[in-house]
Amino acid sequence: LGNDFGIDSLELMDVGARLENVLRVK
């Protein structure tokens, strides 16, 4: 994601929050 899409820390935090909500895991 860093090299191919240049994901930044805020986007990564958004991905993490979405995964936490869907998977119900911290």
mmCIF file of all heavy atoms, coordinates in Angstrom:
data_MODEL
# 
_entry.id   MODEL 
# 
loop_
_atom_site.group_PDB 
_atom_site.id 
_atom_site.type_symbol 
_atom_site.label_atom_id 
_atom_site.label_alt_id 
_atom_site.label_comp_id 
_atom_site.label_asym_id 
_atom_site.label_entity_id 
_atom_site.label_seq_id 
_atom_site.pdbx_PDB_ins_code 
_atom_site.Cartn_x 
_atom_site.Cartn_y 
_atom_site.Cartn_z 
_atom_site.occupancy 
_atom_site.B_iso_or_equiv 
_atom_site.pdbx_formal_charge 
_atom_site.auth_seq_id 
_atom_site.auth_comp_id 
_atom_site.auth_asym_id 
_atom_site.auth_atom_id 
_atom_site.pdbx_PDB_model_num 
ATOM 1   N N   . LEU A 1 1  ? 0.808   -1.218 0.000  1.00 0.00 ? 1  LEU A N   1 
ATOM 2   C CA  . LEU A 1 1  ? 0.000   0.000  0.000  1.00 0.00 ? 1  LEU A CA  1 
ATOM 3   C C   . LEU A 1 1  ? 0.840   1.267  0.000  1.00 0.00 ? 1  LEU A C   1 
ATOM 4   O O   . LEU A 1 1  ? 0.452   2.268  -0.588 1.00 0.00 ? 1  LEU A O   1 
ATOM 5   C CB  . LEU A 1 1  ? -0.966  -0.008 1.176  1.00 0.00 ? 1  LEU A CB  1 
ATOM 6   C CG  . LEU A 1 1  ? -2.011  -1.118 1.118  1.00 0.00 ? 1  LEU A CG  1 
ATOM 7   C CD1 . LEU A 1 1  ? -2.846  -1.131 2.383  1.00 0.00 ? 1  LEU A CD1 1 
ATOM 8   C CD2 . LEU A 1 1  ? -2.891  -0.971 -0.104 1.00 0.00 ? 1  LEU A CD2 1 
ATOM 9   N N   . GLY A 1 2  ? 1.995   1.222  0.639  1.00 0.00 ? 2  GLY A N   1 
ATOM 10  C CA  . GLY A 1 2  ? 2.870   2.388  0.642  1.00 0.00 ? 2  GLY A CA  1 
ATOM 11  C C   . GLY A 1 2  ? 3.491   2.626  -0.717 1.00 0.00 ? 2  GLY A C   1 
ATOM 12  O O   . GLY A 1 2  ? 3.431   3.734  -1.257 1.00 0.00 ? 2  GLY A O   1 
ATOM 13  N N   . ASN A 1 3  ? 4.072   1.602  -1.293 1.00 0.00 ? 3  ASN A N   1 
ATOM 14  C CA  . ASN A 1 3  ? 4.756   1.750  -2.580 1.00 0.00 ? 3  ASN A CA  1 
ATOM 15  C C   . ASN A 1 3  ? 3.793   1.813  -3.757 1.00 0.00 ? 3  ASN A C   1 
ATOM 16  O O   . ASN A 1 3  ? 4.023   2.573  -4.701 1.00 0.00 ? 3  ASN A O   1 
ATOM 17  C CB  . ASN A 1 3  ? 5.753   0.609  -2.791 1.00 0.00 ? 3  ASN A CB  1 
ATOM 18  C CG  . ASN A 1 3  ? 6.941   0.711  -1.870 1.00 0.00 ? 3  ASN A CG  1 
ATOM 19  O OD1 . ASN A 1 3  ? 7.319   1.789  -1.440 1.00 0.00 ? 3  ASN A OD1 1 
ATOM 20  N ND2 . ASN A 1 3  ? 7.534   -0.422 -1.547 1.00 0.00 ? 3  ASN A ND2 1 
ATOM 21  N N   . ASP A 1 4  ? 2.745   1.016  -3.727 1.00 0.00 ? 4  ASP A N   1 
ATOM 22  C CA  . ASP A 1 4  ? 1.843   0.939  -4.873 1.00 0.00 ? 4  ASP A CA  1 
ATOM 23  C C   . ASP A 1 4  ? 0.786   2.047  -4.893 1.00 0.00 ? 4  ASP A C   1 
ATOM 24  O O   . ASP A 1 4  ? 0.372   2.489  -5.955 1.00 0.00 ? 4  ASP A O   1 
ATOM 25  C CB  . ASP A 1 4  ? 1.141   -0.421 -4.927 1.00 0.00 ? 4  ASP A CB  1 
ATOM 26  C CG  . ASP A 1 4  ? 2.116   -1.581 -5.123 1.00 0.00 ? 4  ASP A CG  1 
ATOM 27  O OD1 . ASP A 1 4  ? 3.251   -1.338 -5.562 1.00 0.00 ? 4  ASP A OD1 1 
ATOM 28  O OD2 . ASP A 1 4  ? 1.734   -2.724 -4.821 1.00 0.00 ? 4  ASP A OD2 1 
ATOM 29  N N   . PHE A 1 5  ? 0.339   2.478  -3.713 1.00 0.00 ? 5  PHE A N   1 
ATOM 30  C CA  . PHE A 1 5  ? -0.737  3.466  -3.647 1.00 0.00 ? 5  PHE A CA  1 
ATOM 31  C C   . PHE A 1 5  ? -0.381  4.713  -2.839 1.00 0.00 ? 5  PHE A C   1 
ATOM 32  O O   . PHE A 1 5  ? -1.180  5.637  -2.769 1.00 0.00 ? 5  PHE A O   1 
ATOM 33  C CB  . PHE A 1 5  ? -2.012  2.842  -3.062 1.00 0.00 ? 5  PHE A CB  1 
ATOM 34  C CG  . PHE A 1 5  ? -2.710  1.927  -4.019 1.00 0.00 ? 5  PHE A CG  1 
ATOM 35  C CD1 . PHE A 1 5  ? -2.497  0.559  -3.971 1.00 0.00 ? 5  PHE A CD1 1 
ATOM 36  C CD2 . PHE A 1 5  ? -3.580  2.427  -4.965 1.00 0.00 ? 5  PHE A CD2 1 
ATOM 37  C CE1 . PHE A 1 5  ? -3.133  -0.300 -4.847 1.00 0.00 ? 5  PHE A CE1 1 
ATOM 38  C CE2 . PHE A 1 5  ? -4.229  1.577  -5.853 1.00 0.00 ? 5  PHE A CE2 1 
ATOM 39  C CZ  . PHE A 1 5  ? -4.003  0.219  -5.800 1.00 0.00 ? 5  PHE A CZ  1 
ATOM 40  N N   . GLY A 1 6  ? 0.779   4.736  -2.201 1.00 0.00 ? 6  GLY A N   1 
ATOM 41  C CA  . GLY A 1 6  ? 1.179   5.907  -1.420 1.00 0.00 ? 6  GLY A CA  1 
ATOM 42  C C   . GLY A 1 6  ? 0.233   6.208  -0.266 1.00 0.00 ? 6  GLY A C   1 
ATOM 43  O O   . GLY A 1 6  ? 0.006   7.368  0.071  1.00 0.00 ? 6  GLY A O   1 
ATOM 44  N N   . ILE A 1 7  ? -0.294  5.153  0.369  1.00 0.00 ? 7  ILE A N   1 
ATOM 45  C CA  . ILE A 1 7  ? -1.233  5.344  1.485  1.00 0.00 ? 7  ILE A CA  1 
ATOM 46  C C   . ILE A 1 7  ? -0.548  6.121  2.610  1.00 0.00 ? 7  ILE A C   1 
ATOM 47  O O   . ILE A 1 7  ? 0.621   5.904  2.914  1.00 0.00 ? 7  ILE A O   1 
ATOM 48  C CB  . ILE A 1 7  ? -1.784  3.987  1.977  1.00 0.00 ? 7  ILE A CB  1 
ATOM 49  C CG1 . ILE A 1 7  ? -3.018  4.194  2.861  1.00 0.00 ? 7  ILE A CG1 1 
ATOM 50  C CG2 . ILE A 1 7  ? -0.712  3.185  2.699  1.00 0.00 ? 7  ILE A CG2 1 
ATOM 51  C CD1 . ILE A 1 7  ? -3.793  2.919  3.142  1.00 0.00 ? 7  ILE A CD1 1 
ATOM 52  N N   . ASP A 1 8  ? -1.266  7.072  3.194  1.00 0.00 ? 8  ASP A N   1 
ATOM 53  C CA  . ASP A 1 8  ? -0.696  7.845  4.299  1.00 0.00 ? 8  ASP A CA  1 
ATOM 54  C C   . ASP A 1 8  ? -1.272  7.347  5.626  1.00 0.00 ? 8  ASP A C   1 
ATOM 55  O O   . ASP A 1 8  ? -2.140  6.478  5.658  1.00 0.00 ? 8  ASP A O   1 
ATOM 56  C CB  . ASP A 1 8  ? -0.916  9.354  4.097  1.00 0.00 ? 8  ASP A CB  1 
ATOM 57  C CG  . ASP A 1 8  ? -2.378  9.772  4.122  1.00 0.00 ? 8  ASP A CG  1 
ATOM 58  O OD1 . ASP A 1 8  ? -3.197  9.159  4.839  1.00 0.00 ? 8  ASP A OD1 1 
ATOM 59  O OD2 . ASP A 1 8  ? -2.712  10.751 3.418  1.00 0.00 ? 8  ASP A OD2 1 
ATOM 60  N N   . SER A 1 9  ? -0.775  7.901  6.722  1.00 0.00 ? 9  SER A N   1 
ATOM 61  C CA  . SER A 1 9  ? -1.149  7.404  8.049  1.00 0.00 ? 9  SER A CA  1 
ATOM 62  C C   . SER A 1 9  ? -2.635  7.611  8.349  1.00 0.00 ? 9  SER A C   1 
ATOM 63  O O   . SER A 1 9  ? -3.256  6.763  8.994  1.00 0.00 ? 9  SER A O   1 
ATOM 64  C CB  . SER A 1 9  ? -0.296  8.050  9.132  1.00 0.00 ? 9  SER A CB  1 
ATOM 65  O OG  . SER A 1 9  ? -0.447  9.459  9.107  1.00 0.00 ? 9  SER A OG  1 
ATOM 66  N N   . LEU A 1 10 ? -3.225  8.705  7.887  1.00 0.00 ? 10 LEU A N   1 
ATOM 67  C CA  . LEU A 1 10 ? -4.654  8.925  8.129  1.00 0.00 ? 10 LEU A CA  1 
ATOM 68  C C   . LEU A 1 10 ? -5.497  7.915  7.366  1.00 0.00 ? 10 LEU A C   1 
ATOM 69  O O   . LEU A 1 10 ? -6.493  7.402  7.882  1.00 0.00 ? 10 LEU A O   1 
ATOM 70  C CB  . LEU A 1 10 ? -5.056  10.346 7.744  1.00 0.00 ? 10 LEU A CB  1 
ATOM 71  C CG  . LEU A 1 10 ? -4.513  11.448 8.643  1.00 0.00 ? 10 LEU A CG  1 
ATOM 72  C CD1 . LEU A 1 10 ? -4.910  12.811 8.105  1.00 0.00 ? 10 LEU A CD1 1 
ATOM 73  C CD2 . LEU A 1 10 ? -5.007  11.272 10.073 1.00 0.00 ? 10 LEU A CD2 1 
ATOM 74  N N   . GLU A 1 11 ? -5.106  7.624  6.135  1.00 0.00 ? 11 GLU A N   1 
ATOM 75  C CA  . GLU A 1 11 ? -5.824  6.615  5.360  1.00 0.00 ? 11 GLU A CA  1 
ATOM 76  C C   . GLU A 1 11 ? -5.676  5.243  6.005  1.00 0.00 ? 11 GLU A C   1 
ATOM 77  O O   . GLU A 1 11 ? -6.635  4.468  6.065  1.00 0.00 ? 11 GLU A O   1 
ATOM 78  C CB  . GLU A 1 11 ? -5.299  6.586  3.920  1.00 0.00 ? 11 GLU A CB  1 
ATOM 79  C CG  . GLU A 1 11 ? -5.664  7.829  3.128  1.00 0.00 ? 11 GLU A CG  1 
ATOM 80  C CD  . GLU A 1 11 ? -4.912  7.947  1.825  1.00 0.00 ? 11 GLU A CD  1 
ATOM 81  O OE1 . GLU A 1 11 ? -3.725  7.543  1.761  1.00 0.00 ? 11 GLU A OE1 1 
ATOM 82  O OE2 . GLU A 1 11 ? -5.508  8.465  0.865  1.00 0.00 ? 11 GLU A OE2 1 
ATOM 83  N N   . LEU A 1 12 ? -4.485  4.943  6.507  1.00 0.00 ? 12 LEU A N   1 
ATOM 84  C CA  . LEU A 1 12 ? -4.254  3.665  7.172  1.00 0.00 ? 12 LEU A CA  1 
ATOM 85  C C   . LEU A 1 12 ? -5.107  3.545  8.434  1.00 0.00 ? 12 LEU A C   1 
ATOM 86  O O   . LEU A 1 12 ? -5.670  2.489  8.718  1.00 0.00 ? 12 LEU A O   1 
ATOM 87  C CB  . LEU A 1 12 ? -2.768  3.509  7.498  1.00 0.00 ? 12 LEU A CB  1 
ATOM 88  C CG  . LEU A 1 12 ? -2.304  2.131  7.911  1.00 0.00 ? 12 LEU A CG  1 
ATOM 89  C CD1 . LEU A 1 12 ? -2.603  1.101  6.838  1.00 0.00 ? 12 LEU A CD1 1 
ATOM 90  C CD2 . LEU A 1 12 ? -0.816  2.150  8.206  1.00 0.00 ? 12 LEU A CD2 1 
ATOM 91  N N   . MET A 1 13 ? -5.227  4.649  9.176  1.00 0.00 ? 13 MET A N   1 
ATOM 92  C CA  . MET A 1 13 ? -6.078  4.639  10.369 1.00 0.00 ? 13 MET A CA  1 
ATOM 93  C C   . MET A 1 13 ? -7.542  4.419  9.986  1.00 0.00 ? 13 MET A C   1 
ATOM 94  O O   . MET A 1 13 ? -8.273  3.710  10.681 1.00 0.00 ? 13 MET A O   1 
ATOM 95  C CB  . MET A 1 13 ? -5.913  5.937  11.151 1.00 0.00 ? 13 MET A CB  1 
ATOM 96  C CG  . MET A 1 13 ? -4.569  6.033  11.854 1.00 0.00 ? 13 MET A CG  1 
ATOM 97  S SD  . MET A 1 13 ? -4.251  7.629  12.636 1.00 0.00 ? 13 MET A SD  1 
ATOM 98  C CE  . MET A 1 13 ? -5.673  7.837  13.651 1.00 0.00 ? 13 MET A CE  1 
ATOM 99  N N   . ASP A 1 14 ? -7.965  4.993  8.863  1.00 0.00 ? 14 ASP A N   1 
ATOM 100 C CA  . ASP A 1 14 ? -9.336  4.795  8.383  1.00 0.00 ? 14 ASP A CA  1 
ATOM 101 C C   . ASP A 1 14 ? -9.561  3.330  8.014  1.00 0.00 ? 14 ASP A C   1 
ATOM 102 O O   . ASP A 1 14 ? -10.580 2.736  8.373  1.00 0.00 ? 14 ASP A O   1 
ATOM 103 C CB  . ASP A 1 14 ? -9.595  5.702  7.180  1.00 0.00 ? 14 ASP A CB  1 
ATOM 104 C CG  . ASP A 1 14 ? -11.059 5.777  6.782  1.00 0.00 ? 14 ASP A CG  1 
ATOM 105 O OD1 . ASP A 1 14 ? -11.911 5.113  7.417  1.00 0.00 ? 14 ASP A OD1 1 
ATOM 106 O OD2 . ASP A 1 14 ? -11.360 6.501  5.810  1.00 0.00 ? 14 ASP A OD2 1 
ATOM 107 N N   . VAL A 1 15 ? -8.604  2.723  7.324  1.00 0.00 ? 15 VAL A N   1 
ATOM 108 C CA  . VAL A 1 15 ? -8.701  1.295  6.984  1.00 0.00 ? 15 VAL A CA  1 
ATOM 109 C C   . VAL A 1 15 ? -8.813  0.477  8.267  1.00 0.00 ? 15 VAL A C   1 
ATOM 110 O O   . VAL A 1 15 ? -9.668  -0.407 8.384  1.00 0.00 ? 15 VAL A O   1 
ATOM 111 C CB  . VAL A 1 15 ? -7.485  0.833  6.149  1.00 0.00 ? 15 VAL A CB  1 
ATOM 112 C CG1 . VAL A 1 15 ? -7.450  -0.688 6.031  1.00 0.00 ? 15 VAL A CG1 1 
ATOM 113 C CG2 . VAL A 1 15 ? -7.494  1.480  4.768  1.00 0.00 ? 15 VAL A CG2 1 
ATOM 114 N N   . GLY A 1 16 ? -7.949  0.774  9.245  1.00 0.00 ? 16 GLY A N   1 
ATOM 115 C CA  . GLY A 1 16 ? -7.972  0.046  10.520 1.00 0.00 ? 16 GLY A CA  1 
ATOM 116 C C   . GLY A 1 16 ? -9.309  0.167  11.227 1.00 0.00 ? 16 GLY A C   1 
ATOM 117 O O   . GLY A 1 16 ? -9.847  -0.821 11.734 1.00 0.00 ? 16 GLY A O   1 
ATOM 118 N N   . ALA A 1 17 ? -9.876  1.365  11.246 1.00 0.00 ? 17 ALA A N   1 
ATOM 119 C CA  . ALA A 1 17 ? -11.166 1.585  11.906 1.00 0.00 ? 17 ALA A CA  1 
ATOM 120 C C   . ALA A 1 17 ? -12.281 0.800  11.205 1.00 0.00 ? 17 ALA A C   1 
ATOM 121 O O   . ALA A 1 17 ? -13.138 0.199  11.857 1.00 0.00 ? 17 ALA A O   1 
ATOM 122 C CB  . ALA A 1 17 ? -11.501 3.070  11.927 1.00 0.00 ? 17 ALA A CB  1 
ATOM 123 N N   . ARG A 1 18 ? -12.232 0.777  9.883  1.00 0.00 ? 18 ARG A N   1 
ATOM 124 C CA  . ARG A 1 18 ? -13.246 0.021  9.133  1.00 0.00 ? 18 ARG A CA  1 
ATOM 125 C C   . ARG A 1 18 ? -13.133 -1.475 9.438  1.00 0.00 ? 18 ARG A C   1 
ATOM 126 O O   . ARG A 1 18 ? -14.134 -2.153 9.612  1.00 0.00 ? 18 ARG A O   1 
ATOM 127 C CB  . ARG A 1 18 ? -13.091 0.265  7.637  1.00 0.00 ? 18 ARG A CB  1 
ATOM 128 C CG  . ARG A 1 18 ? -13.499 1.658  7.209  1.00 0.00 ? 18 ARG A CG  1 
ATOM 129 C CD  . ARG A 1 18 ? -13.078 1.952  5.775  1.00 0.00 ? 18 ARG A CD  1 
ATOM 130 N NE  . ARG A 1 18 ? -13.307 3.334  5.447  1.00 0.00 ? 18 ARG A NE  1 
ATOM 131 C CZ  . ARG A 1 18 ? -14.290 3.762  4.657  1.00 0.00 ? 18 ARG A CZ  1 
ATOM 132 N NH1 . ARG A 1 18 ? -15.133 2.909  4.127  1.00 0.00 ? 18 ARG A NH1 1 
ATOM 133 N NH2 . ARG A 1 18 ? -14.424 5.044  4.403  1.00 0.00 ? 18 ARG A NH2 1 
ATOM 134 N N   . LEU A 1 19 ? -11.898 -1.967 9.477  1.00 0.00 ? 19 LEU A N   1 
ATOM 135 C CA  . LEU A 1 19 ? -11.694 -3.388 9.776  1.00 0.00 ? 19 LEU A CA  1 
ATOM 136 C C   . LEU A 1 19 ? -12.135 -3.720 11.196 1.00 0.00 ? 19 LEU A C   1 
ATOM 137 O O   . LEU A 1 19 ? -12.734 -4.773 11.436 1.00 0.00 ? 19 LEU A O   1 
ATOM 138 C CB  . LEU A 1 19 ? -10.232 -3.778 9.549  1.00 0.00 ? 19 LEU A CB  1 
ATOM 139 C CG  . LEU A 1 19 ? -9.773  -3.737 8.095  1.00 0.00 ? 19 LEU A CG  1 
ATOM 140 C CD1 . LEU A 1 19 ? -8.267  -3.943 8.013  1.00 0.00 ? 19 LEU A CD1 1 
ATOM 141 C CD2 . LEU A 1 19 ? -10.522 -4.768 7.259  1.00 0.00 ? 19 LEU A CD2 1 
ATOM 142 N N   . GLU A 1 20 ? -11.838 -2.840 12.151 1.00 0.00 ? 20 GLU A N   1 
ATOM 143 C CA  . GLU A 1 20 ? -12.278 -3.063 13.530 1.00 0.00 ? 20 GLU A CA  1 
ATOM 144 C C   . GLU A 1 20 ? -13.801 -3.161 13.601 1.00 0.00 ? 20 GLU A C   1 
ATOM 145 O O   . GLU A 1 20 ? -14.342 -4.022 14.299 1.00 0.00 ? 20 GLU A O   1 
ATOM 146 C CB  . GLU A 1 20 ? -11.784 -1.942 14.440 1.00 0.00 ? 20 GLU A CB  1 
ATOM 147 C CG  . GLU A 1 20 ? -10.328 -2.031 14.777 1.00 0.00 ? 20 GLU A CG  1 
ATOM 148 C CD  . GLU A 1 20 ? -9.867  -0.927 15.709 1.00 0.00 ? 20 GLU A CD  1 
ATOM 149 O OE1 . GLU A 1 20 ? -10.521 0.146  15.794 1.00 0.00 ? 20 GLU A OE1 1 
ATOM 150 O OE2 . GLU A 1 20 ? -8.827  -1.119 16.358 1.00 0.00 ? 20 GLU A OE2 1 
ATOM 151 N N   . ASN A 1 21 ? -14.494 -2.275 12.893 1.00 0.00 ? 21 ASN A N   1 
ATOM 152 C CA  . ASN A 1 21 ? -15.958 -2.273 12.917 1.00 0.00 ? 21 ASN A CA  1 
ATOM 153 C C   . ASN A 1 21 ? -16.546 -3.523 12.281 1.00 0.00 ? 21 ASN A C   1 
ATOM 154 O O   . ASN A 1 21 ? -17.481 -4.108 12.815 1.00 0.00 ? 21 ASN A O   1 
ATOM 155 C CB  . ASN A 1 21 ? -16.500 -1.026 12.216 1.00 0.00 ? 21 ASN A CB  1 
ATOM 156 C CG  . ASN A 1 21 ? -16.310 0.218  13.045 1.00 0.00 ? 21 ASN A CG  1 
ATOM 157 O OD1 . ASN A 1 21 ? -16.241 0.172  14.261 1.00 0.00 ? 21 ASN A OD1 1 
ATOM 158 N ND2 . ASN A 1 21 ? -16.199 1.349  12.379 1.00 0.00 ? 21 ASN A ND2 1 
ATOM 159 N N   . VAL A 1 22 ? -15.996 -3.932 11.159 1.00 0.00 ? 22 VAL A N   1 
ATOM 160 C CA  . VAL A 1 22 ? -16.532 -5.093 10.448 1.00 0.00 ? 22 VAL A CA  1 
ATOM 161 C C   . VAL A 1 22 ? -16.201 -6.393 11.170 1.00 0.00 ? 22 VAL A C   1 
ATOM 162 O O   . VAL A 1 22 ? -17.046 -7.269 11.321 1.00 0.00 ? 22 VAL A O   1 
ATOM 163 C CB  . VAL A 1 22 ? -15.992 -5.136 9.001  1.00 0.00 ? 22 VAL A CB  1 
ATOM 164 C CG1 . VAL A 1 22 ? -16.321 -6.456 8.323  1.00 0.00 ? 22 VAL A CG1 1 
ATOM 165 C CG2 . VAL A 1 22 ? -16.538 -3.971 8.191  1.00 0.00 ? 22 VAL A CG2 1 
ATOM 166 N N   . LEU A 1 23 ? -14.947 -6.509 11.624 1.00 0.00 ? 23 LEU A N   1 
ATOM 167 C CA  . LEU A 1 23 ? -14.473 -7.766 12.216 1.00 0.00 ? 23 LEU A CA  1 
ATOM 168 C C   . LEU A 1 23 ? -14.642 -7.828 13.726 1.00 0.00 ? 23 LEU A C   1 
ATOM 169 O O   . LEU A 1 23 ? -14.453 -8.884 14.326 1.00 0.00 ? 23 LEU A O   1 
ATOM 170 C CB  . LEU A 1 23 ? -12.998 -7.979 11.852 1.00 0.00 ? 23 LEU A CB  1 
ATOM 171 C CG  . LEU A 1 23 ? -12.703 -8.083 10.358 1.00 0.00 ? 23 LEU A CG  1 
ATOM 172 C CD1 . LEU A 1 23 ? -11.208 -8.080 10.111 1.00 0.00 ? 23 LEU A CD1 1 
ATOM 173 C CD2 . LEU A 1 23 ? -13.356 -9.322 9.770  1.00 0.00 ? 23 LEU A CD2 1 
ATOM 174 N N   . ARG A 1 24 ? -14.965 -6.699 14.344 1.00 0.00 ? 24 ARG A N   1 
ATOM 175 C CA  . ARG A 1 24 ? -15.142 -6.621 15.796 1.00 0.00 ? 24 ARG A CA  1 
ATOM 176 C C   . ARG A 1 24 ? -13.895 -7.117 16.539 1.00 0.00 ? 24 ARG A C   1 
ATOM 177 O O   . ARG A 1 24 ? -13.980 -7.957 17.437 1.00 0.00 ? 24 ARG A O   1 
ATOM 178 C CB  . ARG A 1 24 ? -16.381 -7.384 16.235 1.00 0.00 ? 24 ARG A CB  1 
ATOM 179 C CG  . ARG A 1 24 ? -17.648 -6.883 15.609 1.00 0.00 ? 24 ARG A CG  1 
ATOM 180 C CD  . ARG A 1 24 ? -18.852 -7.546 16.196 1.00 0.00 ? 24 ARG A CD  1 
ATOM 181 N NE  . ARG A 1 24 ? -20.072 -7.271 15.502 1.00 0.00 ? 24 ARG A NE  1 
ATOM 182 C CZ  . ARG A 1 24 ? -20.769 -6.133 15.564 1.00 0.00 ? 24 ARG A CZ  1 
ATOM 183 N NH1 . ARG A 1 24 ? -20.338 -5.140 16.288 1.00 0.00 ? 24 ARG A NH1 1 
ATOM 184 N NH2 . ARG A 1 24 ? -21.891 -5.998 14.882 1.00 0.00 ? 24 ARG A NH2 1 
ATOM 185 N N   . VAL A 1 25 ? -12.754 -6.573 16.112 1.00 0.00 ? 25 VAL A N   1 
ATOM 186 C CA  . VAL A 1 25 ? -11.480 -6.923 16.724 1.00 0.00 ? 25 VAL A CA  1 
ATOM 187 C C   . VAL A 1 25 ? -10.660 -5.649 16.860 1.00 0.00 ? 25 VAL A C   1 
ATOM 188 O O   . VAL A 1 25 ? -10.756 -4.743 16.034 1.00 0.00 ? 25 VAL A O   1 
ATOM 189 C CB  . VAL A 1 25 ? -10.730 -7.990 15.886 1.00 0.00 ? 25 VAL A CB  1 
ATOM 190 C CG1 . VAL A 1 25 ? -10.357 -7.471 14.522 1.00 0.00 ? 25 VAL A CG1 1 
ATOM 191 C CG2 . VAL A 1 25 ? -9.517  -8.519 16.607 1.00 0.00 ? 25 VAL A CG2 1 
ATOM 192 N N   . LYS A 1 26 ? -9.884  -5.539 17.925 1.00 0.00 ? 26 LYS A N   1 
ATOM 193 C CA  . LYS A 1 26 ? -9.031  -4.372 18.137 1.00 0.00 ? 26 LYS A CA  1 
ATOM 194 C C   . LYS A 1 26 ? -7.754  -4.530 17.324 1.00 0.00 ? 26 LYS A C   1 
ATOM 195 O O   . LYS A 1 26 ? -7.106  -5.571 17.374 1.00 0.00 ? 26 LYS A O   1 
ATOM 196 C CB  . LYS A 1 26 ? -8.694  -4.232 19.633 1.00 0.00 ? 26 LYS A CB  1 
ATOM 197 C CG  . LYS A 1 26 ? -7.850  -3.037 19.954 1.00 0.00 ? 26 LYS A CG  1 
ATOM 198 C CD  . LYS A 1 26 ? -8.648  -1.767 19.770 1.00 0.00 ? 26 LYS A CD  1 
ATOM 199 C CE  . LYS A 1 26 ? -7.792  -0.561 20.147 1.00 0.00 ? 26 LYS A CE  1 
ATOM 200 N NZ  . LYS A 1 26 ? -8.151  0.625  19.411 1.00 0.00 ? 26 LYS A NZ  1 
# 
